[in-house]
Amino acid sequence: MKQARTVTVRLEEELLTLGRACGVLRRHNLPIRDFAVVSNGHPGTWKLSCVIEAEDAALKGLVLQINNVIGVRETTVTPSFLSEVS
């Protein structure tokens, strides 16, 4: 069942790592409803957050591939509050 979920990726503060993580998102061609990158967390890391509406299996594959990107420290998927608003 398609459901909006928030995917949060904690990664090293390097443009190359950010570009690789965004490339994985692009290759999966999933509908992204919201996208943000912030640097106010742990020193030396960025937090990439996006709201994606997709099946559970597609998100599982996305998380596995993002975790394989060099420089990614952690990836989490949580239910999105945007799914309740729409």
PDB file of N, CA and C in Angstrom:
ATOM      1  N   MET A   1       0.828  -1.172   0.000  1.00  0.00           N
ATOM      2  CA  MET A   1       0.000   0.000   0.000  1.00  0.00           C
ATOM      3  C   MET A   1       0.883   1.250   0.000  1.00  0.00           C
ATOM      4  N   LYS A   2       0.608   2.171  -0.906  1.00  0.00           N
ATOM      5  CA  LYS A   2       1.382   3.402  -0.972  1.00  0.00           C
ATOM      6  C   LYS A   2       1.027   4.280   0.217  1.00  0.00           C
ATOM      7  N   GLN A   3       2.078   4.744   0.874  1.00  0.00           N
ATOM      8  CA  GLN A   3       1.901   5.579   2.046  1.00  0.00           C
ATOM      9  C   GLN A   3       3.049   6.575   2.097  1.00  0.00           C
ATOM     10  N   ALA A   4       2.771   7.780   2.558  1.00  0.00           N
ATOM     11  CA  ALA A   4       3.834   8.774   2.686  1.00  0.00           C
ATOM     12  C   ALA A   4       4.674   8.457   3.916  1.00  0.00           C
ATOM     13  N   ARG A   5       5.980   8.404   3.725  1.00  0.00           N
ATOM     14  CA  ARG A   5       6.920   8.122   4.815  1.00  0.00           C
ATOM     15  C   ARG A   5       8.050   9.138   4.753  1.00  0.00           C
ATOM     16  N   THR A   6       8.603   9.432   5.894  1.00  0.00           N
ATOM     17  CA  THR A   6       9.750  10.333   5.966  1.00  0.00           C
ATOM     18  C   THR A   6      11.023   9.499   6.035  1.00  0.00           C
ATOM     19  N   VAL A   7      11.906   9.712   5.079  1.00  0.00           N
ATOM     20  CA  VAL A   7      13.204   9.038   5.049  1.00  0.00           C
ATOM     21  C   VAL A   7      14.240  10.056   5.526  1.00  0.00           C
ATOM     22  N   THR A   8      14.962   9.710   6.583  1.00  0.00           N
ATOM     23  CA  THR A   8      15.977  10.593   7.146  1.00  0.00           C
ATOM     24  C   THR A   8      17.334   9.910   7.043  1.00  0.00           C
ATOM     25  N   VAL A   9      18.286  10.625   6.462  1.00  0.00           N
ATOM     26  CA  VAL A   9      19.630  10.079   6.251  1.00  0.00           C
ATOM     27  C   VAL A   9      20.630  10.992   6.955  1.00  0.00           C
ATOM     28  N   ARG A  10      21.426  10.426   7.843  1.00  0.00           N
ATOM     29  CA  ARG A  10      22.516  11.170   8.477  1.00  0.00           C
ATOM     30  C   ARG A  10      23.790  10.809   7.726  1.00  0.00           C
ATOM     31  N   LEU A  11      24.458  11.843   7.177  1.00  0.00           N
ATOM     32  CA  LEU A  11      25.633  11.595   6.348  1.00  0.00           C
ATOM     33  C   LEU A  11      26.741  12.581   6.664  1.00  0.00           C
ATOM     34  N   GLU A  12      27.946  12.245   6.195  1.00  0.00           N
ATOM     35  CA  GLU A  12      29.107  13.112   6.407  1.00  0.00           C
ATOM     36  C   GLU A  12      28.908  14.432   5.680  1.00  0.00           C
ATOM     37  N   GLU A  13      29.503  15.475   6.212  1.00  0.00           N
ATOM     38  CA  GLU A  13      29.353  16.816   5.667  1.00  0.00           C
ATOM     39  C   GLU A  13      30.275  17.006   4.458  1.00  0.00           C
ATOM     40  N   GLU A  14      29.962  16.312   3.364  1.00  0.00           N
ATOM     41  CA  GLU A  14      30.720  16.401   2.120  1.00  0.00           C
ATOM     42  C   GLU A  14      29.744  16.427   0.953  1.00  0.00           C
ATOM     43  N   LEU A  15      30.022  17.283  -0.020  1.00  0.00           N
ATOM     44  CA  LEU A  15      29.136  17.385  -1.176  1.00  0.00           C
ATOM     45  C   LEU A  15      29.090  16.094  -1.984  1.00  0.00           C
ATOM     46  N   LEU A  16      30.199  15.376  -2.046  1.00  0.00           N
ATOM     47  CA  LEU A  16      30.235  14.123  -2.794  1.00  0.00           C
ATOM     48  C   LEU A  16      29.270  13.100  -2.190  1.00  0.00           C
ATOM     49  N   THR A  17      29.244  12.999  -0.874  1.00  0.00           N
ATOM     50  CA  THR A  17      28.330  12.067  -0.203  1.00  0.00           C
ATOM     51  C   THR A  17      26.884  12.483  -0.434  1.00  0.00           C
ATOM     52  N   LEU A  18      26.602  13.786  -0.331  1.00  0.00           N
ATOM     53  CA  LEU A  18      25.248  14.284  -0.584  1.00  0.00           C
ATOM     54  C   LEU A  18      24.823  13.993  -2.020  1.00  0.00           C
ATOM     55  N   GLY A  19      25.722  14.207  -2.970  1.00  0.00           N
ATOM     56  CA  GLY A  19      25.418  13.927  -4.370  1.00  0.00           C
ATOM     57  C   GLY A  19      25.142  12.459  -4.631  1.00  0.00           C
ATOM     58  N   ARG A  20      25.894  11.592  -3.991  1.00  0.00           N
ATOM     59  CA  ARG A  20      25.672  10.152  -4.166  1.00  0.00           C
ATOM     60  C   ARG A  20      24.331   9.725  -3.582  1.00  0.00           C
ATOM     61  N   ALA A  21      23.993  10.241  -2.403  1.00  0.00           N
ATOM     62  CA  ALA A  21      22.706   9.895  -1.784  1.00  0.00           C
ATOM     63  C   ALA A  21      21.543  10.408  -2.633  1.00  0.00           C
ATOM     64  N   CYS A  22      21.664  11.617  -3.169  1.00  0.00           N
ATOM     65  CA  CYS A  22      20.618  12.158  -4.046  1.00  0.00           C
ATOM     66  C   CYS A  22      20.528  11.365  -5.347  1.00  0.00           C
ATOM     67  N   GLY A  23      21.649  10.862  -5.832  1.00  0.00           N
ATOM     68  CA  GLY A  23      21.647  10.028  -7.033  1.00  0.00           C
ATOM     69  C   GLY A  23      20.867   8.742  -6.827  1.00  0.00           C
ATOM     70  N   VAL A  24      20.984   8.146  -5.641  1.00  0.00           N
ATOM     71  CA  VAL A  24      20.206   6.938  -5.336  1.00  0.00           C
ATOM     72  C   VAL A  24      18.718   7.273  -5.346  1.00  0.00           C
ATOM     73  N   LEU A  25      18.343   8.405  -4.751  1.00  0.00           N
ATOM     74  CA  LEU A  25      16.936   8.830  -4.762  1.00  0.00           C
ATOM     75  C   LEU A  25      16.437   9.018  -6.198  1.00  0.00           C
ATOM     76  N   ARG A  26      17.251   9.667  -7.024  1.00  0.00           N
ATOM     77  CA  ARG A  26      16.858   9.932  -8.413  1.00  0.00           C
ATOM     78  C   ARG A  26      16.679   8.638  -9.200  1.00  0.00           C
ATOM     79  N   ARG A  27      17.581   7.688  -9.032  1.00  0.00           N
ATOM     80  CA  ARG A  27      17.503   6.440  -9.789  1.00  0.00           C
ATOM     81  C   ARG A  27      16.272   5.611  -9.421  1.00  0.00           C
ATOM     82  N   HIS A  28      15.796   5.733  -8.199  1.00  0.00           N
ATOM     83  CA  HIS A  28      14.600   4.987  -7.801  1.00  0.00           C
ATOM     84  C   HIS A  28      13.321   5.594  -8.370  1.00  0.00           C
ATOM     85  N   ASN A  29      13.379   6.852  -8.805  1.00  0.00           N
ATOM     86  CA  ASN A  29      12.266   7.512  -9.481  1.00  0.00           C
ATOM     87  C   ASN A  29      10.971   7.450  -8.656  1.00  0.00           C
ATOM     88  N   LEU A  30      11.078   7.689  -7.364  1.00  0.00           N
ATOM     89  CA  LEU A  30       9.915   7.696  -6.483  1.00  0.00           C
ATOM     90  C   LEU A  30       9.418   9.131  -6.315  1.00  0.00           C
ATOM     91  N   PRO A  31       8.104   9.318  -6.125  1.00  0.00           N
ATOM     92  CA  PRO A  31       7.579  10.678  -5.951  1.00  0.00           C
ATOM     93  C   PRO A  31       8.004  11.268  -4.602  1.00  0.00           C
ATOM     94  N   ILE A  32       8.788  12.338  -4.650  1.00  0.00           N
ATOM     95  CA  ILE A  32       9.257  13.018  -3.443  1.00  0.00           C
ATOM     96  C   ILE A  32       8.375  14.237  -3.223  1.00  0.00           C
ATOM     97  N   ARG A  33       7.731  14.294  -2.051  1.00  0.00           N
ATOM     98  CA  ARG A  33       6.810  15.387  -1.748  1.00  0.00           C
ATOM     99  C   ARG A  33       7.480  16.522  -0.989  1.00  0.00           C
ATOM    100  N   ASP A  34       8.569  16.258  -0.306  1.00  0.00           N
ATOM    101  CA  ASP A  34       9.270  17.271   0.473  1.00  0.00           C
ATOM    102  C   ASP A  34      10.736  16.854   0.569  1.00  0.00           C
ATOM    103  N   PHE A  35      11.644  17.840   0.579  1.00  0.00           N
ATOM    104  CA  PHE A  35      13.073  17.537   0.592  1.00  0.00           C
ATOM    105  C   PHE A  35      13.793  18.636   1.365  1.00  0.00           C
ATOM    106  N   ALA A  36      14.683  18.263   2.286  1.00  0.00           N
ATOM    107  CA  ALA A  36      15.445  19.258   3.053  1.00  0.00           C
ATOM    108  C   ALA A  36      16.785  18.673   3.475  1.00  0.00           C
ATOM    109  N   VAL A  37      17.794  19.548   3.536  1.00  0.00           N
ATOM    110  CA  VAL A  37      19.111  19.176   4.056  1.00  0.00           C
ATOM    111  C   VAL A  37      19.469  20.214   5.113  1.00  0.00           C
ATOM    112  N   VAL A  38      19.764  19.747   6.320  1.00  0.00           N
ATOM    113  CA  VAL A  38      20.132  20.657   7.411  1.00  0.00           C
ATOM    114  C   VAL A  38      21.464  20.213   8.015  1.00  0.00           C
ATOM    115  N   SER A  39      22.173  21.175   8.606  1.00  0.00           N
ATOM    116  CA  SER A  39      23.483  20.854   9.179  1.00  0.00           C
ATOM    117  C   SER A  39      23.551  21.165  10.669  1.00  0.00           C
ATOM    118  N   ASN A  40      22.422  21.286  11.341  1.00  0.00           N
ATOM    119  CA  ASN A  40      22.441  21.682  12.747  1.00  0.00           C
ATOM    120  C   ASN A  40      22.330  20.497  13.703  1.00  0.00           C
ATOM    121  N   GLY A  41      22.865  19.375  13.328  1.00  0.00           N
ATOM    122  CA  GLY A  41      22.848  18.196  14.190  1.00  0.00           C
ATOM    123  C   GLY A  41      24.216  17.949  14.781  1.00  0.00           C
ATOM    124  N   HIS A  42      24.703  16.740  14.638  1.00  0.00           N
ATOM    125  CA  HIS A  42      26.038  16.390  15.113  1.00  0.00           C
ATOM    126  C   HIS A  42      27.083  17.157  14.305  1.00  0.00           C
ATOM    127  N   PRO A  43      28.190  17.573  14.917  1.00  0.00           N
ATOM    128  CA  PRO A  43      29.238  18.273  14.166  1.00  0.00           C
ATOM    129  C   PRO A  43      29.814  17.380  13.062  1.00  0.00           C
ATOM    130  N   GLY A  44      29.983  17.960  11.877  1.00  0.00           N
ATOM    131  CA  GLY A  44      30.562  17.217  10.761  1.00  0.00           C
ATOM    132  C   GLY A  44      29.576  16.359   9.996  1.00  0.00           C
ATOM    133  N   THR A  45      28.274  16.478  10.303  1.00  0.00           N
ATOM    134  CA  THR A  45      27.269  15.683   9.591  1.00  0.00           C
ATOM    135  C   THR A  45      26.137  16.575   9.090  1.00  0.00           C
ATOM    136  N   TRP A  46      25.474  16.105   8.059  1.00  0.00           N
ATOM    137  CA  TRP A  46      24.255  16.714   7.546  1.00  0.00           C
ATOM    138  C   TRP A  46      23.120  15.733   7.748  1.00  0.00           C
ATOM    139  N   LYS A  47      21.909  16.264   7.784  1.00  0.00           N
ATOM    140  CA  LYS A  47      20.723  15.416   7.860  1.00  0.00           C
ATOM    141  C   LYS A  47      19.860  15.711   6.641  1.00  0.00           C
ATOM    142  N   LEU A  48      19.683  14.709   5.801  1.00  0.00           N
ATOM    143  CA  LEU A  48      18.841  14.811   4.615  1.00  0.00           C
ATOM    144  C   LEU A  48      17.497  14.180   4.967  1.00  0.00           C
ATOM    145  N   SER A  49      16.417  14.927   4.786  1.00  0.00           N
ATOM    146  CA  SER A  49      15.079  14.400   5.061  1.00  0.00           C
ATOM    147  C   SER A  49      14.212  14.592   3.834  1.00  0.00           C
ATOM    148  N   CYS A  50      13.425  13.579   3.499  1.00  0.00           N
ATOM    149  CA  CYS A  50      12.483  13.708   2.395  1.00  0.00           C
ATOM    150  C   CYS A  50      11.249  12.866   2.680  1.00  0.00           C
ATOM    151  N   VAL A  51      10.119  13.352   2.181  1.00  0.00           N
ATOM    152  CA  VAL A  51       8.861  12.628   2.315  1.00  0.00           C
ATOM    153  C   VAL A  51       8.598  11.954   0.981  1.00  0.00           C
ATOM    154  N   ILE A  52       8.484  10.633   1.013  1.00  0.00           N
ATOM    155  CA  ILE A  52       8.319   9.835  -0.199  1.00  0.00           C
ATOM    156  C   ILE A  52       7.050   9.014  -0.076  1.00  0.00           C
ATOM    157  N   GLU A  53       6.251   9.007  -1.131  1.00  0.00           N
ATOM    158  CA  GLU A  53       5.047   8.183  -1.163  1.00  0.00           C
ATOM    159  C   GLU A  53       5.346   6.952  -2.014  1.00  0.00           C
ATOM    160  N   ALA A  54       5.456   5.788  -1.350  1.00  0.00           N
ATOM    161  CA  ALA A  54       5.836   4.569  -2.066  1.00  0.00           C
ATOM    162  C   ALA A  54       5.416   3.332  -1.287  1.00  0.00           C
ATOM    163  N   GLU A  55       5.527   2.197  -1.959  1.00  0.00           N
ATOM    164  CA  GLU A  55       5.251   0.899  -1.335  1.00  0.00           C
ATOM    165  C   GLU A  55       6.360   0.562  -0.336  1.00  0.00           C
ATOM    166  N   ASP A  56       6.050  -0.331   0.591  1.00  0.00           N
ATOM    167  CA  ASP A  56       7.029  -0.744   1.601  1.00  0.00           C
ATOM    168  C   ASP A  56       8.260  -1.387   0.973  1.00  0.00           C
ATOM    169  N   ALA A  57       8.056  -2.226  -0.033  1.00  0.00           N
ATOM    170  CA  ALA A  57       9.180  -2.922  -0.670  1.00  0.00           C
ATOM    171  C   ALA A  57      10.109  -1.935  -1.379  1.00  0.00           C
ATOM    172  N   ALA A  58       9.541  -0.922  -2.025  1.00  0.00           N
ATOM    173  CA  ALA A  58      10.361   0.075  -2.714  1.00  0.00           C
ATOM    174  C   ALA A  58      11.190   0.878  -1.719  1.00  0.00           C
ATOM    175  N   LEU A  59      10.598   1.219  -0.587  1.00  0.00           N
ATOM    176  CA  LEU A  59      11.333   1.963   0.435  1.00  0.00           C
ATOM    177  C   LEU A  59      12.433   1.120   1.067  1.00  0.00           C
ATOM    178  N   LYS A  60      12.158  -0.167   1.234  1.00  0.00           N
ATOM    179  CA  LYS A  60      13.166  -1.063   1.806  1.00  0.00           C
ATOM    180  C   LYS A  60      14.389  -1.137   0.888  1.00  0.00           C
ATOM    181  N   GLY A  61      14.158  -1.262  -0.421  1.00  0.00           N
ATOM    182  CA  GLY A  61      15.256  -1.279  -1.381  1.00  0.00           C
ATOM    183  C   GLY A  61      16.014   0.038  -1.412  1.00  0.00           C
ATOM    184  N   LEU A  62      15.281   1.150  -1.305  1.00  0.00           N
ATOM    185  CA  LEU A  62      15.908   2.466  -1.277  1.00  0.00           C
ATOM    186  C   LEU A  62      16.827   2.606  -0.064  1.00  0.00           C
ATOM    187  N   VAL A  63      16.342   2.202   1.103  1.00  0.00           N
ATOM    188  CA  VAL A  63      17.141   2.295   2.330  1.00  0.00           C
ATOM    189  C   VAL A  63      18.390   1.426   2.235  1.00  0.00           C
ATOM    190  N   LEU A  64      18.263   0.231   1.689  1.00  0.00           N
ATOM    191  CA  LEU A  64      19.430  -0.647   1.542  1.00  0.00           C
ATOM    192  C   LEU A  64      20.492  -0.009   0.653  1.00  0.00           C
ATOM    193  N   GLN A  65      20.062   0.608  -0.449  1.00  0.00           N
ATOM    194  CA  GLN A  65      21.029   1.222  -1.357  1.00  0.00           C
ATOM    195  C   GLN A  65      21.645   2.484  -0.769  1.00  0.00           C
ATOM    196  N   ILE A  66      20.845   3.290  -0.063  1.00  0.00           N
ATOM    197  CA  ILE A  66      21.396   4.503   0.550  1.00  0.00           C
ATOM    198  C   ILE A  66      22.418   4.132   1.624  1.00  0.00           C
ATOM    199  N   ASN A  67      22.145   3.079   2.387  1.00  0.00           N
ATOM    200  CA  ASN A  67      23.090   2.658   3.427  1.00  0.00           C
ATOM    201  C   ASN A  67      24.424   2.204   2.842  1.00  0.00           C
ATOM    202  N   ASN A  68      24.452   1.782   1.585  1.00  0.00           N
ATOM    203  CA  ASN A  68      25.688   1.346   0.936  1.00  0.00           C
ATOM    204  C   ASN A  68      26.522   2.506   0.393  1.00  0.00           C
ATOM    205  N   VAL A  69      25.973   3.720   0.403  1.00  0.00           N
ATOM    206  CA  VAL A  69      26.717   4.886  -0.075  1.00  0.00           C
ATOM    207  C   VAL A  69      27.820   5.213   0.936  1.00  0.00           C
ATOM    208  N   ILE A  70      29.023   5.440   0.434  1.00  0.00           N
ATOM    209  CA  ILE A  70      30.151   5.784   1.307  1.00  0.00           C
ATOM    210  C   ILE A  70      29.879   7.143   1.947  1.00  0.00           C
ATOM    211  N   GLY A  71      29.976   7.197   3.269  1.00  0.00           N
ATOM    212  CA  GLY A  71      29.750   8.443   3.995  1.00  0.00           C
ATOM    213  C   GLY A  71      28.397   8.526   4.672  1.00  0.00           C
ATOM    214  N   VAL A  72      27.501   7.605   4.354  1.00  0.00           N
ATOM    215  CA  VAL A  72      26.196   7.576   5.019  1.00  0.00           C
ATOM    216  C   VAL A  72      26.356   6.844   6.336  1.00  0.00           C
ATOM    217  N   ARG A  73      25.893   7.460   7.407  1.00  0.00           N
ATOM    218  CA  ARG A  73      26.041   6.869   8.736  1.00  0.00           C
ATOM    219  C   ARG A  73      24.789   6.146   9.204  1.00  0.00           C
ATOM    220  N   GLU A  74      23.605   6.661   8.848  1.00  0.00           N
ATOM    221  CA  GLU A  74      22.369   6.056   9.347  1.00  0.00           C
ATOM    222  C   GLU A  74      21.203   6.479   8.464  1.00  0.00           C
ATOM    223  N   THR A  75      20.269   5.566   8.241  1.00  0.00           N
ATOM    224  CA  THR A  75      19.051   5.858   7.495  1.00  0.00           C
ATOM    225  C   THR A  75      17.864   5.328   8.280  1.00  0.00           C
ATOM    226  N   THR A  76      16.840   6.172   8.442  1.00  0.00           N
ATOM    227  CA  THR A  76      15.629   5.749   9.143  1.00  0.00           C
ATOM    228  C   THR A  76      14.404   6.103   8.317  1.00  0.00           C
ATOM    229  N   VAL A  77      13.354   5.314   8.487  1.00  0.00           N
ATOM    230  CA  VAL A  77      12.069   5.564   7.828  1.00  0.00           C
ATOM    231  C   VAL A  77      11.012   5.643   8.912  1.00  0.00           C
ATOM    232  N   THR A  78      10.232   6.729   8.891  1.00  0.00           N
ATOM    233  CA  THR A  78       9.159   6.909   9.863  1.00  0.00           C
ATOM    234  C   THR A  78       7.882   7.298   9.137  1.00  0.00           C
ATOM    235  N   PRO A  79       6.723   7.014   9.716  1.00  0.00           N
ATOM    236  CA  PRO A  79       5.469   7.466   9.104  1.00  0.00           C
ATOM    237  C   PRO A  79       5.455   8.991   9.026  1.00  0.00           C
ATOM    238  N   SER A  80       4.889   9.516   7.956  1.00  0.00           N
ATOM    239  CA  SER A  80       4.880  10.955   7.740  1.00  0.00           C
ATOM    240  C   SER A  80       3.568  11.557   8.206  1.00  0.00           C
ATOM    241  N   PHE A  81       3.643  12.728   8.797  1.00  0.00           N
ATOM    242  CA  PHE A  81       2.433  13.430   9.198  1.00  0.00           C
ATOM    243  C   PHE A  81       1.699  13.991   7.994  1.00  0.00           C
ATOM    244  N   LEU A  82       2.385  14.141   6.846  1.00  0.00           N
ATOM    245  CA  LEU A  82       1.746  14.672   5.642  1.00  0.00           C
ATOM    246  C   LEU A  82       0.693  13.720   5.093  1.00  0.00           C
ATOM    247  N   SER A  83       0.819  12.418   5.366  1.00  0.00           N
ATOM    248  CA  SER A  83      -0.166  11.466   4.863  1.00  0.00           C
ATOM    249  C   SER A  83      -1.509  11.661   5.552  1.00  0.00           C
ATOM    250  N   GLU A  84      -1.511  12.172   6.785  1.00  0.00           N
ATOM    251  CA  GLU A  84      -2.755  12.399   7.498  1.00  0.00           C
ATOM    252  C   GLU A  84      -3.432  13.679   7.042  1.00  0.00           C
ATOM    253  N   VAL A  85      -2.650  14.657   6.572  1.00  0.00           N
ATOM    254  CA  VAL A  85      -3.196  15.940   6.159  1.00  0.00           C
ATOM    255  C   VAL A  85      -3.860  15.843   4.800  1.00  0.00           C
ATOM    256  N   SER A  86      -3.274  15.080   3.861  1.00  0.00           N
ATOM    257  CA  SER A  86      -3.791  15.013   2.494  1.00  0.00           C
ATOM    258  C   SER A  86      -5.086  14.258   2.404  1.00  0.00           C
TER     259      SER A  86
END
